[in-house]
Every structure is written in C-alpha cells, then in structure tokens.
Amino acid sequence: MTGSASGLGYAVSKSLIVEEKSNVICLDKKKIKNFNFKNSHTVDFTNNLKLKNTIHSIIKKYKIIHGVVNCAAVTIPENRFPKKDFKKWKKTFSVNIDSIFMICSILCENAIKNNQKLNIINFTSIGAHQGFPKNSAYCASKGAVTQLTKSFSLDYGKFGIRANCIVPGYFKTPMNKKSWTSLNERKKRSSKTILGRWGLPKEICGPVKFLLSEESSYITGSDIIVDGGWLSKGF
C-alpha cells in the first residue's frame, strides 16, 4: 500500500489491518506516526533505483504479495500561471505514474514467475476524466494511470492478474485542506455532487476491500467511481 501516512491511503491501510486483519506493507515518503503500522517503509517515489530496491526487498522478505494498492500522489499548484513549470510537471509524473509503473511491473513479473495471482488497485481521480484549472500535470498524470491500469489488465489478465482503478472525488483529506478550509470552495464542490457533500476517508475503504476480494473476481480493467455522483451530475 503506497501513501499510507495520511488521507485516503491511511484510512485504507488502517481499515485493512484492523478490520480485515491483513498483513499490510505500508510505503510513504513520510514516516507514519498516527497508527502502529509495523510493516512500514519510508521511500522517495521520485528515486527509481531506491524504490526498485525497496520493492525487491519486500518480495524477498514476504515471498507472496496478494495485492497492491497505489494511493501515493502529489498535486502541485501552478502558482506562476499562465507560465507552466516543467520541473513540477516532471515531479508530478515521477510520483503519480512512474512509481506505479515500476511497482506494478516488478510485482507482475514476480507473480508470473512464481505462478501467483496478483490484484492491482490504482487510485486515479475525477481529474483523470475532467479538466481542472491550473492543474494540468495532475490531471494528465491521473489520466495516464487510468490507461496504464487498463493496459496492465490486458497484458497480464491471462496470468490471473487483475488491475482496476479507484476514482475518488473530493474527500476531506490533507491534500484538499485548502479547499475544505474555505467555506465558499467547500460549498462549491459539494454542490457539484449528487449527494451534496464531500466524502469521508472511511467511505473509500469498502470499494477497495471489494476489489481486493474474490467478490470482484470478474472485474478487471475497470474504473470504480467513488465521487458522490460528481461525474454523473448534470443540471
């Protein structure tokens, strides 16, 4: 599980450990402080070599990896708009898509080598389906995750590997703190959903656990949208 230190990644990790009694291996760029995640690793998602070595060390230690949930992501404001910052673009893609490609590639190769099933869940965003202002790198990278996941589902499906996306809308998390703190912005986003509110982190856990389970054994290459009806709302 990547992105376990805060937000949706933290909620999912804790839910899997506490409620499902799962052995969750947690990865994040920050040290996890709020809950005793015993199997945790601090990683730099922009450092390909170190990330690769970490994944290989995890495989060596645990042998069998049943599932991977990629939730780690960054969104960097375009403070100098209309000027676009290529360094921020590269960092966003490095964290949001390159790390997922590397992690999934290594785990798929290991699963095939050892004749094991693997379940991949990648977090994208409603920004993968719609344009959002001054956030081109984030939207583009999340769109790339969507297509990468579909590609993995096709390439590795015959080996018993499934790959799906979770598509969150606006949730009350540290990443969205600025929008949540502003009452005007909070109401504006709430009004764009059918349910008329933001999501709570605990509400993302059920869909993830469903995709990780055999209850979803015939689902692959799909987007599971958890957005309170944002993408479906018209007038």
Protein backbone atom coordinates (compact mmCIF):
# COMPACT_ATOMS: atom_id res chain seq x y z
CA MET A 1 0.00 0.00 0.00
CA THR A 2 1.52 3.32 -1.04
CA GLY A 3 0.55 6.65 0.50
CA SER A 4 -0.22 5.12 3.91
CA ALA A 5 0.86 8.07 6.08
CA SER A 6 -2.20 10.26 5.57
CA GLY A 7 -5.50 10.80 3.79
CA LEU A 8 -7.19 8.02 1.85
CA GLY A 9 -4.12 5.79 1.93
CA TYR A 10 -4.01 5.96 5.71
CA ALA A 11 -7.73 5.19 6.02
CA VAL A 12 -7.47 2.18 3.71
CA SER A 13 -4.31 0.83 5.36
CA LYS A 14 -5.79 1.08 8.85
CA SER A 15 -9.08 -0.49 7.74
CA LEU A 16 -7.31 -3.45 6.12
CA ILE A 17 -5.17 -4.02 9.21
CA VAL A 18 -7.81 -3.52 11.89
CA GLU A 19 -10.97 -4.81 10.22
CA GLU A 20 -9.61 -7.41 7.77
CA LYS A 21 -6.60 -8.50 9.85
CA SER A 22 -4.50 -8.19 6.72
CA ASN A 23 -0.72 -8.04 6.66
CA VAL A 24 -0.29 -4.63 5.01
CA ILE A 25 3.11 -3.39 3.88
CA CYS A 26 2.95 0.40 4.02
CA LEU A 27 5.03 2.75 1.87
CA ASP A 28 5.11 6.53 2.11
CA LYS A 29 7.52 9.42 1.70
CA LYS A 30 6.69 10.45 5.28
CA LYS A 31 7.14 8.49 8.47
CA ILE A 32 3.84 7.01 9.61
CA LYS A 33 3.08 8.42 13.06
CA ASN A 34 -0.65 8.15 13.70
CA PHE A 35 -1.02 4.38 13.85
CA ASN A 36 1.29 1.47 14.56
CA PHE A 37 1.90 0.17 11.05
CA LYS A 38 4.52 -2.47 11.82
CA ASN A 39 5.46 -3.20 8.21
CA SER A 40 6.23 0.32 7.01
CA HIS A 41 8.88 1.77 4.73
CA THR A 42 9.83 5.39 4.11
CA VAL A 43 10.50 5.79 0.40
CA ASP A 44 11.18 8.51 -2.14
CA PHE A 45 8.82 7.88 -5.02
CA THR A 46 10.98 10.04 -7.30
CA ASN A 47 14.07 7.88 -6.75
CA ASN A 48 13.61 5.00 -9.17
CA LEU A 49 16.62 2.97 -8.03
CA LYS A 50 15.81 3.09 -4.32
CA LEU A 51 12.13 2.40 -4.96
CA LYS A 52 13.05 -0.59 -7.12
CA ASN A 53 15.35 -1.94 -4.42
CA THR A 54 12.66 -1.49 -1.77
CA ILE A 55 10.10 -3.48 -3.79
CA HIS A 56 12.60 -6.27 -4.41
CA SER A 57 13.49 -6.41 -0.71
CA ILE A 58 9.78 -6.66 0.17
CA ILE A 59 9.34 -9.53 -2.28
CA LYS A 60 12.41 -11.29 -0.88
CA LYS A 61 11.08 -10.99 2.67
CA TYR A 62 7.39 -11.83 2.16
CA LYS A 63 7.59 -14.08 -0.92
CA ILE A 64 3.88 -13.82 -1.79
CA ILE A 65 2.21 -10.47 -2.49
CA HIS A 66 -1.54 -10.89 -2.99
CA GLY A 67 -2.39 -7.28 -3.83
CA VAL A 68 -1.03 -3.79 -4.29
CA VAL A 69 -2.89 -0.52 -3.74
CA ASN A 70 -1.20 2.57 -5.18
CA CYS A 71 -2.57 5.67 -3.50
CA ALA A 72 0.52 7.89 -3.20
CA ALA A 73 0.25 11.05 -5.30
CA VAL A 74 1.12 14.73 -5.41
CA THR A 75 -0.66 17.76 -6.77
CA ILE A 76 1.50 20.86 -7.15
CA PRO A 77 -0.22 24.26 -7.59
CA GLU A 78 0.66 26.24 -10.70
CA ASN A 79 1.44 29.43 -8.80
CA ARG A 80 3.08 31.12 -11.81
CA PHE A 81 0.18 30.58 -14.22
CA PRO A 82 -0.01 31.13 -17.19
CA LYS A 83 3.61 30.01 -17.10
CA LYS A 84 3.91 26.22 -16.81
CA ASP A 85 6.72 24.74 -14.73
CA PHE A 86 8.34 21.72 -16.38
CA LYS A 87 10.15 20.70 -13.15
CA LYS A 88 6.82 20.45 -11.33
CA TRP A 89 5.40 18.54 -14.28
CA LYS A 90 8.26 16.02 -14.12
CA LYS A 91 7.97 15.59 -10.35
CA THR A 92 4.21 15.05 -10.60
CA PHE A 93 4.64 12.39 -13.27
CA SER A 94 7.50 10.78 -11.37
CA VAL A 95 5.35 10.25 -8.28
CA ASN A 96 1.91 9.77 -9.86
CA ILE A 97 2.70 7.48 -12.79
CA ASP A 98 6.37 6.40 -12.99
CA SER A 99 6.37 4.89 -9.50
CA ILE A 100 3.17 2.97 -10.22
CA PHE A 101 4.59 1.59 -13.46
CA MET A 102 7.72 0.40 -11.65
CA ILE A 103 5.93 -1.12 -8.65
CA CYS A 104 3.32 -2.91 -10.75
CA SER A 105 5.84 -4.14 -13.32
CA ILE A 106 8.06 -5.72 -10.68
CA LEU A 107 5.17 -7.31 -8.81
CA CYS A 108 3.59 -8.67 -12.00
CA GLU A 109 6.89 -10.21 -13.07
CA ASN A 110 7.26 -11.83 -9.65
CA ALA A 111 3.68 -13.13 -9.67
CA ILE A 112 4.12 -14.74 -13.08
CA LYS A 113 7.49 -16.22 -12.16
CA ASN A 114 6.03 -17.89 -9.06
CA ASN A 115 2.62 -18.73 -10.58
CA GLN A 116 0.78 -16.45 -8.14
CA LYS A 117 -2.31 -14.33 -8.54
CA LEU A 118 -2.00 -10.57 -8.03
CA ASN A 119 -4.60 -7.87 -7.56
CA ILE A 120 -3.69 -4.30 -8.59
CA ILE A 121 -5.67 -1.26 -7.48
CA ASN A 122 -4.52 2.17 -8.62
CA PHE A 123 -6.03 5.41 -7.36
CA THR A 124 -6.80 7.91 -10.09
CA SER A 125 -9.14 10.91 -9.75
CA ILE A 126 -12.15 12.63 -11.24
CA GLY A 127 -9.38 14.82 -12.67
CA ALA A 128 -8.50 11.90 -14.93
CA HIS A 129 -11.89 12.37 -16.62
CA GLN A 130 -12.34 16.14 -16.48
CA GLY A 131 -10.20 19.23 -16.81
CA PHE A 132 -9.43 21.15 -13.62
CA PRO A 133 -7.98 24.68 -13.62
CA LYS A 134 -4.23 25.20 -13.22
CA ASN A 135 -3.65 21.52 -12.57
CA SER A 136 -2.59 20.11 -15.93
CA ALA A 137 0.18 17.84 -14.59
CA TYR A 138 -2.11 16.22 -12.02
CA CYS A 139 -4.97 15.68 -14.48
CA ALA A 140 -2.64 14.33 -17.17
CA SER A 141 -0.82 12.00 -14.79
CA LYS A 142 -4.05 10.59 -13.37
CA GLY A 143 -5.36 10.07 -16.89
CA ALA A 144 -2.15 8.18 -17.61
CA VAL A 145 -2.74 5.97 -14.57
CA THR A 146 -6.18 5.10 -15.93
CA GLN A 147 -4.77 3.93 -19.25
CA LEU A 148 -1.78 2.22 -17.65
CA THR A 149 -4.14 0.20 -15.47
CA LYS A 150 -6.24 -0.88 -18.44
CA SER A 151 -3.06 -1.85 -20.28
CA PHE A 152 -1.84 -3.95 -17.35
CA SER A 153 -5.23 -5.65 -17.07
CA LEU A 154 -4.99 -6.68 -20.74
CA ASP A 155 -1.33 -7.74 -20.72
CA TYR A 156 -1.47 -9.75 -17.52
CA GLY A 157 -5.07 -10.97 -17.34
CA LYS A 158 -4.19 -14.37 -18.76
CA PHE A 159 -1.85 -14.90 -15.81
CA GLY A 160 -4.62 -14.38 -13.25
CA ILE A 161 -3.65 -10.79 -12.55
CA ARG A 162 -6.44 -8.20 -12.22
CA ALA A 163 -5.98 -4.43 -12.40
CA ASN A 164 -8.60 -1.79 -11.60
CA CYS A 165 -8.84 1.88 -10.71
CA ILE A 166 -10.49 3.63 -7.80
CA VAL A 167 -11.67 7.09 -8.91
CA PRO A 168 -12.19 9.34 -5.87
CA GLY A 169 -13.99 12.65 -5.93
CA TYR A 170 -13.45 15.26 -3.23
CA PHE A 171 -12.70 13.81 0.18
CA LYS A 172 -11.81 15.56 3.42
CA THR A 173 -8.07 14.85 3.40
CA PRO A 174 -4.86 16.85 3.91
CA MET A 175 -4.40 17.09 0.12
CA ASN A 176 -7.70 19.00 -0.10
CA LYS A 177 -7.20 21.04 3.07
CA LYS A 178 -7.14 24.41 1.30
CA SER A 179 -10.45 23.80 -0.50
CA TRP A 180 -12.07 22.35 2.63
CA THR A 181 -10.97 25.23 4.85
CA SER A 182 -12.55 27.79 2.52
CA LEU A 183 -16.30 27.63 3.20
CA ASN A 184 -17.04 29.03 -0.25
CA GLU A 185 -14.85 26.47 -2.02
CA ARG A 186 -16.19 23.66 0.14
CA LYS A 187 -19.80 24.53 -0.75
CA LYS A 188 -18.91 24.93 -4.43
CA ARG A 189 -17.52 21.41 -4.56
CA SER A 190 -20.36 19.96 -2.53
CA SER A 191 -22.88 21.44 -4.95
CA LYS A 192 -21.25 19.61 -7.87
CA THR A 193 -22.05 16.22 -6.33
CA ILE A 194 -25.40 14.44 -6.41
CA LEU A 195 -25.15 13.70 -2.68
CA GLY A 196 -24.39 17.35 -1.91
CA ARG A 197 -21.35 16.73 0.26
CA TRP A 198 -17.70 15.70 0.41
CA GLY A 199 -16.66 12.12 1.06
CA LEU A 200 -15.18 10.88 4.31
CA PRO A 201 -11.97 8.79 4.11
CA LYS A 202 -13.73 5.77 5.64
CA GLU A 203 -16.09 5.73 2.64
CA ILE A 204 -13.28 4.76 0.26
CA CYS A 205 -12.36 1.63 2.23
CA GLY A 206 -15.32 -0.54 1.20
CA PRO A 207 -14.72 -0.24 -2.57
CA VAL A 208 -11.01 -1.02 -2.12
CA LYS A 209 -11.72 -4.08 0.02
CA PHE A 210 -14.29 -5.23 -2.54
CA LEU A 211 -11.76 -5.04 -5.37
CA LEU A 212 -9.15 -6.87 -3.29
CA SER A 213 -11.57 -9.69 -2.53
CA GLU A 214 -12.77 -12.63 -4.60
CA GLU A 215 -16.20 -10.99 -4.61
CA SER A 216 -14.87 -8.92 -7.53
CA SER A 217 -13.18 -11.82 -9.32
CA TYR A 218 -14.79 -10.98 -12.69
CA ILE A 219 -13.85 -7.28 -12.60
CA THR A 220 -10.70 -6.05 -14.31
CA GLY A 221 -9.72 -3.04 -16.40
CA SER A 222 -12.49 -1.03 -14.74
CA ASP A 223 -12.89 2.34 -13.06
CA ILE A 224 -14.76 2.17 -9.76
CA ILE A 225 -16.00 5.73 -9.26
CA VAL A 226 -16.41 6.92 -5.66
CA ASP A 227 -17.29 10.60 -6.07
CA GLY A 228 -20.74 11.20 -4.59
CA GLY A 229 -22.10 11.45 -8.13
CA TRP A 230 -19.77 14.23 -9.35
CA LEU A 231 -19.09 12.73 -12.79
CA SER A 232 -22.75 11.81 -13.31
CA LYS A 233 -24.35 15.09 -12.34
CA GLY A 234 -25.92 17.27 -14.99
CA PHE A 235 -28.07 20.27 -14.21
